[in-house]
N, C-alpha and C. Protein backbone atom coordinates (compact mmCIF):
# COMPACT_ATOMS: atom_id res chain seq x y z
N MET A 1 -13.74 5.62 -2.62
CA MET A 1 -13.82 5.27 -4.02
C MET A 1 -12.42 5.05 -4.61
N THR A 2 -11.47 5.88 -4.19
CA THR A 2 -10.10 5.73 -4.68
C THR A 2 -9.53 4.38 -4.27
N THR A 3 -9.85 3.94 -3.07
CA THR A 3 -9.35 2.66 -2.59
C THR A 3 -9.88 1.52 -3.46
N PHE A 4 -11.15 1.62 -3.87
CA PHE A 4 -11.73 0.59 -4.73
C PHE A 4 -10.96 0.49 -6.05
N PHE A 5 -10.68 1.62 -6.67
CA PHE A 5 -9.96 1.61 -7.94
C PHE A 5 -8.52 1.13 -7.76
N ASN A 6 -7.92 1.44 -6.63
CA ASN A 6 -6.57 0.97 -6.35
C ASN A 6 -6.56 -0.55 -6.23
N TRP A 7 -7.53 -1.11 -5.53
CA TRP A 7 -7.61 -2.56 -5.41
C TRP A 7 -7.91 -3.21 -6.76
N LEU A 8 -8.74 -2.57 -7.56
CA LEU A 8 -9.05 -3.08 -8.89
C LEU A 8 -7.80 -3.09 -9.77
N ALA A 9 -7.01 -2.02 -9.69
CA ALA A 9 -5.76 -1.95 -10.45
C ALA A 9 -4.77 -3.01 -9.96
N LYS A 10 -4.72 -3.23 -8.65
CA LYS A 10 -3.83 -4.26 -8.12
C LYS A 10 -4.25 -5.65 -8.60
N LEU A 11 -5.53 -5.88 -8.69
CA LEU A 11 -6.03 -7.15 -9.21
C LEU A 11 -5.60 -7.33 -10.67
N GLY A 12 -5.66 -6.25 -11.44
CA GLY A 12 -5.19 -6.29 -12.82
C GLY A 12 -3.71 -6.60 -12.91
N MET A 13 -2.91 -5.99 -12.02
CA MET A 13 -1.47 -6.27 -12.02
C MET A 13 -1.19 -7.72 -11.64
N LEU A 14 -1.96 -8.26 -10.72
CA LEU A 14 -1.79 -9.69 -10.39
C LEU A 14 -2.09 -10.56 -11.61
N ALA A 15 -3.08 -10.17 -12.40
CA ALA A 15 -3.39 -10.92 -13.61
C ALA A 15 -2.22 -10.84 -14.60
N VAL A 16 -1.60 -9.66 -14.71
CA VAL A 16 -0.44 -9.50 -15.60
C VAL A 16 0.70 -10.39 -15.13
N TRP A 17 1.00 -10.37 -13.83
CA TRP A 17 2.08 -11.22 -13.32
C TRP A 17 1.73 -12.69 -13.49
N GLY A 18 0.45 -13.04 -13.33
CA GLY A 18 0.03 -14.43 -13.53
C GLY A 18 0.22 -14.87 -14.97
N LEU A 19 -0.13 -14.02 -15.93
CA LEU A 19 0.07 -14.34 -17.34
C LEU A 19 1.55 -14.47 -17.66
N TRP A 20 2.36 -13.57 -17.10
CA TRP A 20 3.79 -13.62 -17.33
C TRP A 20 4.38 -14.92 -16.76
N SER A 21 3.95 -15.31 -15.55
CA SER A 21 4.43 -16.55 -14.93
C SER A 21 3.98 -17.77 -15.74
N TYR A 22 2.74 -17.74 -16.19
CA TYR A 22 2.23 -18.85 -17.00
C TYR A 22 3.06 -18.99 -18.27
N ASN A 23 3.37 -17.85 -18.91
CA ASN A 23 4.18 -17.88 -20.13
C ASN A 23 5.58 -18.39 -19.85
N TRP A 24 6.07 -18.18 -18.65
CA TRP A 24 7.41 -18.64 -18.29
C TRP A 24 7.47 -20.17 -18.28
N PHE A 25 6.40 -20.82 -17.76
CA PHE A 25 6.38 -22.27 -17.65
C PHE A 25 5.76 -22.96 -18.86
N VAL A 26 4.78 -22.32 -19.49
CA VAL A 26 4.14 -22.86 -20.68
C VAL A 26 4.18 -21.75 -21.74
N PRO A 27 5.28 -21.69 -22.51
CA PRO A 27 5.45 -20.58 -23.44
C PRO A 27 4.36 -20.52 -24.51
N LEU A 28 3.98 -19.31 -24.87
CA LEU A 28 3.06 -19.10 -25.97
C LEU A 28 3.78 -19.38 -27.28
N GLU A 29 3.03 -19.42 -28.34
CA GLU A 29 3.60 -19.73 -29.66
C GLU A 29 4.30 -18.52 -30.25
N GLY A 30 5.44 -18.74 -30.86
CA GLY A 30 6.11 -17.75 -31.70
C GLY A 30 6.59 -16.50 -30.99
N LEU A 31 6.36 -15.38 -31.67
CA LEU A 31 6.86 -14.09 -31.22
C LEU A 31 6.17 -13.58 -29.96
N ALA A 32 4.93 -14.01 -29.73
CA ALA A 32 4.18 -13.55 -28.56
C ALA A 32 4.91 -13.89 -27.26
N SER A 33 5.52 -15.05 -27.21
CA SER A 33 6.24 -15.46 -26.01
C SER A 33 7.43 -14.55 -25.74
N ALA A 34 8.19 -14.23 -26.78
CA ALA A 34 9.37 -13.37 -26.63
C ALA A 34 8.95 -11.96 -26.22
N ILE A 35 7.89 -11.45 -26.82
CA ILE A 35 7.42 -10.10 -26.49
C ILE A 35 6.93 -10.06 -25.05
N LEU A 36 6.15 -11.05 -24.65
CA LEU A 36 5.62 -11.08 -23.29
C LEU A 36 6.75 -11.23 -22.26
N THR A 37 7.74 -12.04 -22.56
CA THR A 37 8.88 -12.21 -21.66
C THR A 37 9.66 -10.90 -21.54
N GLY A 38 9.92 -10.26 -22.66
CA GLY A 38 10.65 -8.99 -22.64
C GLY A 38 9.90 -7.91 -21.88
N MET A 39 8.61 -7.82 -22.11
CA MET A 39 7.81 -6.81 -21.40
C MET A 39 7.76 -7.12 -19.91
N GLY A 40 7.68 -8.39 -19.56
CA GLY A 40 7.67 -8.76 -18.15
C GLY A 40 8.95 -8.37 -17.44
N PHE A 41 10.08 -8.61 -18.09
CA PHE A 41 11.35 -8.22 -17.48
C PHE A 41 11.49 -6.70 -17.40
N LEU A 42 10.98 -5.99 -18.39
CA LEU A 42 11.00 -4.52 -18.35
C LEU A 42 10.17 -4.01 -17.18
N VAL A 43 8.99 -4.56 -16.98
CA VAL A 43 8.14 -4.17 -15.86
C VAL A 43 8.84 -4.50 -14.54
N LEU A 44 9.48 -5.64 -14.47
CA LEU A 44 10.19 -6.04 -13.25
C LEU A 44 11.30 -5.04 -12.93
N VAL A 45 12.08 -4.65 -13.93
CA VAL A 45 13.16 -3.69 -13.71
C VAL A 45 12.60 -2.34 -13.27
N LEU A 46 11.54 -1.88 -13.92
CA LEU A 46 10.94 -0.60 -13.54
C LEU A 46 10.38 -0.64 -12.12
N HIS A 47 9.77 -1.74 -11.74
CA HIS A 47 9.24 -1.86 -10.38
C HIS A 47 10.37 -1.93 -9.36
N LEU A 48 11.48 -2.56 -9.72
CA LEU A 48 12.64 -2.57 -8.81
C LEU A 48 13.18 -1.15 -8.61
N LEU A 49 13.19 -0.35 -9.67
CA LEU A 49 13.60 1.05 -9.54
C LEU A 49 12.63 1.82 -8.64
N GLN A 50 11.35 1.54 -8.76
CA GLN A 50 10.37 2.19 -7.91
C GLN A 50 10.56 1.81 -6.44
N VAL A 51 10.89 0.55 -6.20
CA VAL A 51 11.18 0.12 -4.82
C VAL A 51 12.37 0.88 -4.27
N ALA A 52 13.43 1.01 -5.08
CA ALA A 52 14.63 1.71 -4.62
C ALA A 52 14.34 3.19 -4.34
N LEU A 53 13.58 3.82 -5.22
CA LEU A 53 13.26 5.23 -5.02
C LEU A 53 12.35 5.44 -3.81
N ALA A 54 11.36 4.58 -3.65
CA ALA A 54 10.46 4.71 -2.50
C ALA A 54 11.21 4.47 -1.20
N ALA A 55 12.08 3.46 -1.18
CA ALA A 55 12.85 3.17 0.04
C ALA A 55 13.76 4.33 0.40
N SER A 56 14.37 4.96 -0.61
CA SER A 56 15.25 6.09 -0.30
C SER A 56 14.45 7.30 0.17
N ALA A 57 13.26 7.51 -0.39
CA ALA A 57 12.42 8.62 0.06
C ALA A 57 11.95 8.42 1.50
N VAL A 58 11.57 7.21 1.83
CA VAL A 58 11.13 6.92 3.20
C VAL A 58 12.32 7.00 4.15
N LYS A 59 13.48 6.52 3.72
CA LYS A 59 14.67 6.57 4.56
C LYS A 59 15.08 8.02 4.82
N ALA A 60 14.88 8.90 3.85
CA ALA A 60 15.20 10.32 4.04
C ALA A 60 14.32 10.95 5.11
N MET A 61 13.16 10.35 5.36
CA MET A 61 12.27 10.85 6.42
C MET A 61 12.54 10.13 7.74
N LYS A 62 13.69 9.45 7.82
CA LYS A 62 14.11 8.75 9.04
C LYS A 62 13.15 7.64 9.44
N GLN A 63 12.63 6.93 8.44
CA GLN A 63 11.77 5.79 8.68
C GLN A 63 12.29 4.62 7.86
N GLN A 64 11.74 3.44 8.09
CA GLN A 64 12.17 2.22 7.41
C GLN A 64 10.97 1.54 6.78
N MET A 65 11.07 1.21 5.49
CA MET A 65 10.00 0.45 4.84
C MET A 65 10.08 -1.01 5.27
N THR A 66 8.93 -1.62 5.49
CA THR A 66 8.90 -3.04 5.83
C THR A 66 9.08 -3.87 4.56
N ALA A 67 9.38 -5.14 4.74
CA ALA A 67 9.53 -6.04 3.59
C ALA A 67 8.21 -6.15 2.82
N TRP A 68 7.10 -6.13 3.55
CA TRP A 68 5.79 -6.20 2.89
C TRP A 68 5.56 -4.97 2.01
N ASP A 69 5.97 -3.79 2.49
CA ASP A 69 5.83 -2.57 1.70
C ASP A 69 6.65 -2.66 0.41
N LYS A 70 7.86 -3.18 0.53
CA LYS A 70 8.72 -3.32 -0.65
C LYS A 70 8.13 -4.33 -1.63
N LEU A 71 7.60 -5.43 -1.13
CA LEU A 71 6.97 -6.42 -2.00
C LEU A 71 5.73 -5.85 -2.66
N ASN A 72 4.99 -5.03 -1.93
CA ASN A 72 3.80 -4.39 -2.46
C ASN A 72 4.15 -3.50 -3.66
N VAL A 73 5.22 -2.72 -3.54
CA VAL A 73 5.65 -1.87 -4.64
C VAL A 73 6.21 -2.71 -5.78
N LEU A 74 6.92 -3.77 -5.47
CA LEU A 74 7.48 -4.63 -6.50
C LEU A 74 6.38 -5.28 -7.34
N LEU A 75 5.34 -5.75 -6.70
CA LEU A 75 4.25 -6.41 -7.41
C LEU A 75 3.33 -5.44 -8.13
N PHE A 76 3.02 -4.31 -7.49
CA PHE A 76 1.97 -3.44 -8.01
C PHE A 76 2.46 -2.10 -8.55
N GLY A 77 3.74 -1.80 -8.42
CA GLY A 77 4.28 -0.58 -9.00
C GLY A 77 3.66 0.68 -8.42
N THR A 78 3.17 1.53 -9.29
CA THR A 78 2.59 2.81 -8.88
C THR A 78 1.41 2.61 -7.95
N PHE A 79 0.65 1.57 -8.16
CA PHE A 79 -0.50 1.32 -7.31
C PHE A 79 -0.07 0.95 -5.89
N GLY A 80 1.08 0.31 -5.75
CA GLY A 80 1.64 0.06 -4.42
C GLY A 80 2.21 1.32 -3.80
N LEU A 81 2.71 2.22 -4.65
CA LEU A 81 3.25 3.48 -4.14
C LEU A 81 2.17 4.35 -3.52
N ILE A 82 0.94 4.20 -3.98
CA ILE A 82 -0.17 4.95 -3.38
C ILE A 82 -0.29 4.58 -1.91
N ASP A 83 -0.18 3.29 -1.60
CA ASP A 83 -0.24 2.85 -0.19
C ASP A 83 0.94 3.38 0.61
N ILE A 84 2.12 3.39 -0.01
CA ILE A 84 3.32 3.89 0.66
C ILE A 84 3.15 5.37 0.97
N ARG A 85 2.63 6.12 0.02
CA ARG A 85 2.40 7.55 0.23
C ARG A 85 1.44 7.78 1.40
N ARG A 86 0.38 6.98 1.43
CA ARG A 86 -0.58 7.12 2.53
C ARG A 86 0.05 6.76 3.88
N LYS A 87 0.90 5.75 3.88
CA LYS A 87 1.46 5.26 5.13
C LYS A 87 2.58 6.12 5.67
N TYR A 88 3.49 6.57 4.80
CA TYR A 88 4.71 7.24 5.26
C TYR A 88 4.80 8.72 4.91
N LEU A 89 4.35 9.09 3.74
CA LEU A 89 4.69 10.41 3.22
C LEU A 89 3.58 11.44 3.26
N GLN A 90 2.39 11.06 3.63
CA GLN A 90 1.29 12.00 3.59
C GLN A 90 1.34 12.92 4.79
N MET A 91 1.23 14.20 4.52
CA MET A 91 1.21 15.19 5.58
C MET A 91 -0.17 15.22 6.22
N PRO A 92 -0.23 15.52 7.51
CA PRO A 92 -1.54 15.60 8.15
C PRO A 92 -2.33 16.78 7.60
N ASN A 93 -3.62 16.63 7.54
CA ASN A 93 -4.48 17.71 7.05
C ASN A 93 -4.55 18.81 8.08
N ASP A 94 -4.40 20.03 7.61
CA ASP A 94 -4.50 21.19 8.49
C ASP A 94 -5.72 21.99 8.05
N ASN A 95 -6.83 21.74 8.71
CA ASN A 95 -8.08 22.41 8.34
C ASN A 95 -8.23 23.76 9.03
N SER A 96 -7.25 24.15 9.83
CA SER A 96 -7.39 25.40 10.56
C SER A 96 -7.11 26.61 9.66
N VAL A 97 -6.38 26.41 8.56
CA VAL A 97 -6.07 27.51 7.65
C VAL A 97 -7.05 27.44 6.49
N LYS A 98 -7.81 28.51 6.32
CA LYS A 98 -8.81 28.55 5.26
C LYS A 98 -8.36 29.54 4.19
N ALA A 99 -8.60 29.20 2.95
CA ALA A 99 -8.25 30.09 1.85
C ALA A 99 -9.24 31.27 1.84
N PRO A 100 -8.76 32.47 1.48
CA PRO A 100 -9.67 33.63 1.46
C PRO A 100 -10.66 33.55 0.33
């Protein structure tokens, strides 16, 4: 179920990037264009920071992120980080220890 919501969120992020790209080539009227452009660049900068942080975390574990993983985080942000966590950072489940 979590995977379904992650894919749904990624689809939403693709729609956001699509709207931002559309506004880049066919600007909206008035202030809406400036606001959308500013928000798009802010999201881009934040996602670039997430890529840098994720790459350094994976590198600290003596592994290397692929270009696809970096692009995934750049496009989808936190939703891409969920995949990175599953792929690189998740500890194996230890079902042998039971809580009292």
